[in-house]
Amino acid sequence: MPTQEEFWQKLQAKVCIKCMDGDGHGNCRIAGNGFCAMKTYLPLILDVVQSVESDSIVPYEEQLRKRICSACEFQLLQGGCVLRDEVECALDRYFPLIVEVIEEDQLRH
């Protein structure tokens, strides 16, 4: 099973390179105090993806909302999220790709 650091490197290579907050080469352009949910919640993301087995993204998204979004500082009391609503949350924006990368790597091991 890959380590958390190995998963992070694979996510950077396949997700960060496509991120609109990046430079197109996998380097993040979010300012030093900026917030990247993918990096912040990586251990929980791995746990969520590894705890679900489905051909549909819906169960993964349900667990994402339940276990990660509910604990995020940007989550509103009524359940909405300012970052998600403005497509500013990289975790939400790229979640299907994140799931694909993690599961693909797990299958190899």
C-alpha atoms as a PDB file:
ATOM      1  CA  MET A   1       0.000   0.000   0.000  1.00  0.00           C
ATOM      2  CA  PRO A   2       1.448   3.400  -0.963  1.00  0.00           C
ATOM      3  CA  THR A   3       2.320   5.862   1.777  1.00  0.00           C
ATOM      4  CA  GLN A   4       0.498   9.152   2.236  1.00  0.00           C
ATOM      5  CA  GLU A   5       3.477  10.941   0.688  1.00  0.00           C
ATOM      6  CA  GLU A   6       3.389   8.650  -2.360  1.00  0.00           C
ATOM      7  CA  PHE A   7      -0.332   9.333  -2.806  1.00  0.00           C
ATOM      8  CA  TRP A   8       0.353  13.080  -2.506  1.00  0.00           C
ATOM      9  CA  GLN A   9       3.020  12.879  -5.208  1.00  0.00           C
ATOM     10  CA  LYS A  10       0.649  11.025  -7.550  1.00  0.00           C
ATOM     11  CA  LEU A  11      -2.131  13.541  -6.864  1.00  0.00           C
ATOM     12  CA  GLN A  12       0.240  16.414  -7.593  1.00  0.00           C
ATOM     13  CA  ALA A  13       1.252  14.792 -10.873  1.00  0.00           C
ATOM     14  CA  LYS A  14      -2.304  14.096 -12.043  1.00  0.00           C
ATOM     15  CA  VAL A  15      -4.528  16.639 -10.285  1.00  0.00           C
ATOM     16  CA  CYS A  16      -2.396  19.663  -9.398  1.00  0.00           C
ATOM     17  CA  ILE A  17      -1.129  19.850 -12.965  1.00  0.00           C
ATOM     18  CA  LYS A  18      -4.750  20.448 -14.071  1.00  0.00           C
ATOM     19  CA  CYS A  19      -5.740  22.712 -11.192  1.00  0.00           C
ATOM     20  CA  MET A  20      -6.723  26.240 -12.088  1.00  0.00           C
ATOM     21  CA  ASP A  21      -4.813  27.378  -8.982  1.00  0.00           C
ATOM     22  CA  GLY A  22      -1.612  25.886 -10.396  1.00  0.00           C
ATOM     23  CA  ASP A  23       0.919  26.866 -12.987  1.00  0.00           C
ATOM     24  CA  GLY A  24       0.177  23.978 -15.372  1.00  0.00           C
ATOM     25  CA  HIS A  25       3.267  22.109 -14.211  1.00  0.00           C
ATOM     26  CA  GLY A  26       1.903  20.824 -10.890  1.00  0.00           C
ATOM     27  CA  ASN A  27       3.103  23.762  -8.824  1.00  0.00           C
ATOM     28  CA  CYS A  28       0.561  25.506  -6.634  1.00  0.00           C
ATOM     29  CA  ARG A  29       0.080  29.259  -6.951  1.00  0.00           C
ATOM     30  CA  ILE A  30      -2.108  29.617  -3.853  1.00  0.00           C
ATOM     31  CA  ALA A  31      -0.499  32.230  -1.620  1.00  0.00           C
ATOM     32  CA  GLY A  32       1.309  31.036   1.523  1.00  0.00           C
ATOM     33  CA  ASN A  33      -1.749  31.466   3.738  1.00  0.00           C
ATOM     34  CA  GLY A  34      -4.091  30.113   1.068  1.00  0.00           C
ATOM     35  CA  PHE A  35      -6.241  27.065   1.564  1.00  0.00           C
ATOM     36  CA  CYS A  36      -6.004  23.882  -0.480  1.00  0.00           C
ATOM     37  CA  ALA A  37      -8.543  21.377   0.832  1.00  0.00           C
ATOM     38  CA  MET A  38      -6.861  18.559  -1.072  1.00  0.00           C
ATOM     39  CA  LYS A  39      -3.599  19.070   0.793  1.00  0.00           C
ATOM     40  CA  THR A  40      -5.203  19.971   4.123  1.00  0.00           C
ATOM     41  CA  TYR A  41      -7.474  16.941   4.247  1.00  0.00           C
ATOM     42  CA  LEU A  42      -5.309  14.356   2.484  1.00  0.00           C
ATOM     43  CA  PRO A  43      -5.411  11.768   5.314  1.00  0.00           C
ATOM     44  CA  LEU A  44      -9.211  12.026   5.485  1.00  0.00           C
ATOM     45  CA  ILE A  45      -9.513  11.923   1.697  1.00  0.00           C
ATOM     46  CA  LEU A  46      -7.536   8.689   1.596  1.00  0.00           C
ATOM     47  CA  ASP A  47      -9.717   7.252   4.347  1.00  0.00           C
ATOM     48  CA  VAL A  48     -12.934   8.278   2.559  1.00  0.00           C
ATOM     49  CA  VAL A  49     -11.895   6.843  -0.797  1.00  0.00           C
ATOM     50  CA  GLN A  50     -10.588   3.637   0.729  1.00  0.00           C
ATOM     51  CA  SER A  51     -13.806   3.151   2.721  1.00  0.00           C
ATOM     52  CA  VAL A  52     -16.115   3.234  -0.324  1.00  0.00           C
ATOM     53  CA  GLU A  53     -16.388   0.764  -3.173  1.00  0.00           C
ATOM     54  CA  SER A  54     -18.737   1.792  -5.950  1.00  0.00           C
ATOM     55  CA  ASP A  55     -18.936   2.326  -9.696  1.00  0.00           C
ATOM     56  CA  SER A  56     -20.770   5.581  -8.959  1.00  0.00           C
ATOM     57  CA  ILE A  57     -19.178   8.769  -7.616  1.00  0.00           C
ATOM     58  CA  VAL A  58     -22.283   9.486  -5.508  1.00  0.00           C
ATOM     59  CA  PRO A  59     -21.347   7.344  -2.463  1.00  0.00           C
ATOM     60  CA  TYR A  60     -17.861   8.891  -2.478  1.00  0.00           C
ATOM     61  CA  GLU A  61     -19.346  12.391  -2.579  1.00  0.00           C
ATOM     62  CA  GLU A  62     -21.745  11.517   0.241  1.00  0.00           C
ATOM     63  CA  GLN A  63     -18.812  10.450   2.410  1.00  0.00           C
ATOM     64  CA  LEU A  64     -16.851  13.541   1.346  1.00  0.00           C
ATOM     65  CA  ARG A  65     -19.677  15.804   2.540  1.00  0.00           C
ATOM     66  CA  LYS A  66     -20.252  13.798   5.724  1.00  0.00           C
ATOM     67  CA  ARG A  67     -16.666  13.335   6.850  1.00  0.00           C
ATOM     68  CA  ILE A  68     -14.661  16.184   5.364  1.00  0.00           C
ATOM     69  CA  CYS A  69     -16.938  19.046   4.342  1.00  0.00           C
ATOM     70  CA  SER A  70     -18.812  18.884   7.663  1.00  0.00           C
ATOM     71  CA  ALA A  71     -15.525  19.492   9.513  1.00  0.00           C
ATOM     72  CA  CYS A  72     -14.212  22.180   7.147  1.00  0.00           C
ATOM     73  CA  GLU A  73     -14.003  25.742   8.420  1.00  0.00           C
ATOM     74  CA  PHE A  74     -15.750  26.988   5.267  1.00  0.00           C
ATOM     75  CA  GLN A  75     -18.844  24.812   5.743  1.00  0.00           C
ATOM     76  CA  LEU A  76     -21.889  26.897   6.636  1.00  0.00           C
ATOM     77  CA  LEU A  77     -24.273  25.894   9.424  1.00  0.00           C
ATOM     78  CA  GLN A  78     -27.070  25.189   6.924  1.00  0.00           C
ATOM     79  CA  GLY A  79     -24.785  22.814   4.993  1.00  0.00           C
ATOM     80  CA  GLY A  80     -23.668  25.008   2.120  1.00  0.00           C
ATOM     81  CA  CYS A  81     -20.138  26.103   1.383  1.00  0.00           C
ATOM     82  CA  VAL A  82     -18.969  29.426   0.013  1.00  0.00           C
ATOM     83  CA  LEU A  83     -15.895  27.891  -1.629  1.00  0.00           C
ATOM     84  CA  ARG A  84     -17.867  25.044  -3.171  1.00  0.00           C
ATOM     85  CA  ASP A  85     -20.584  27.413  -4.420  1.00  0.00           C
ATOM     86  CA  GLU A  86     -17.963  29.603  -6.115  1.00  0.00           C
ATOM     87  CA  VAL A  87     -16.057  26.560  -7.503  1.00  0.00           C
ATOM     88  CA  GLU A  88     -13.073  27.597  -5.408  1.00  0.00           C
ATOM     89  CA  CYS A  89     -12.613  24.315  -3.533  1.00  0.00           C
ATOM     90  CA  ALA A  90     -10.038  22.181  -5.344  1.00  0.00           C
ATOM     91  CA  LEU A  91     -11.155  19.120  -3.409  1.00  0.00           C
ATOM     92  CA  ASP A  92     -14.722  19.474  -4.628  1.00  0.00           C
ATOM     93  CA  ARG A  93     -13.742  20.574  -8.124  1.00  0.00           C
ATOM     94  CA  TYR A  94     -11.384  17.664  -8.752  1.00  0.00           C
ATOM     95  CA  PHE A  95     -12.899  15.016  -6.483  1.00  0.00           C
ATOM     96  CA  PRO A  96     -13.791  12.513  -9.244  1.00  0.00           C
ATOM     97  CA  LEU A  97     -10.209  12.701 -10.531  1.00  0.00           C
ATOM     98  CA  ILE A  98      -8.848  12.397  -6.987  1.00  0.00           C
ATOM     99  CA  VAL A  99     -10.915   9.232  -6.439  1.00  0.00           C
ATOM    100  CA  GLU A 100      -9.714   7.833  -9.762  1.00  0.00           C
ATOM    101  CA  VAL A 101      -6.037   8.465  -8.948  1.00  0.00           C
ATOM    102  CA  ILE A 102      -6.265   6.904  -5.479  1.00  0.00           C
ATOM    103  CA  GLU A 103      -8.205   3.858  -6.626  1.00  0.00           C
ATOM    104  CA  GLU A 104      -5.980   3.356  -9.659  1.00  0.00           C
ATOM    105  CA  ASP A 105      -2.919   3.353  -7.443  1.00  0.00           C
ATOM    106  CA  GLN A 106      -4.515   0.980  -4.938  1.00  0.00           C
ATOM    107  CA  LEU A 107      -5.289  -1.516  -7.705  1.00  0.00           C
ATOM    108  CA  ARG A 108      -1.630  -1.573  -8.705  1.00  0.00           C
ATOM    109  CA  HIS A 109      -0.643  -2.553  -5.191  1.00  0.00           C
END
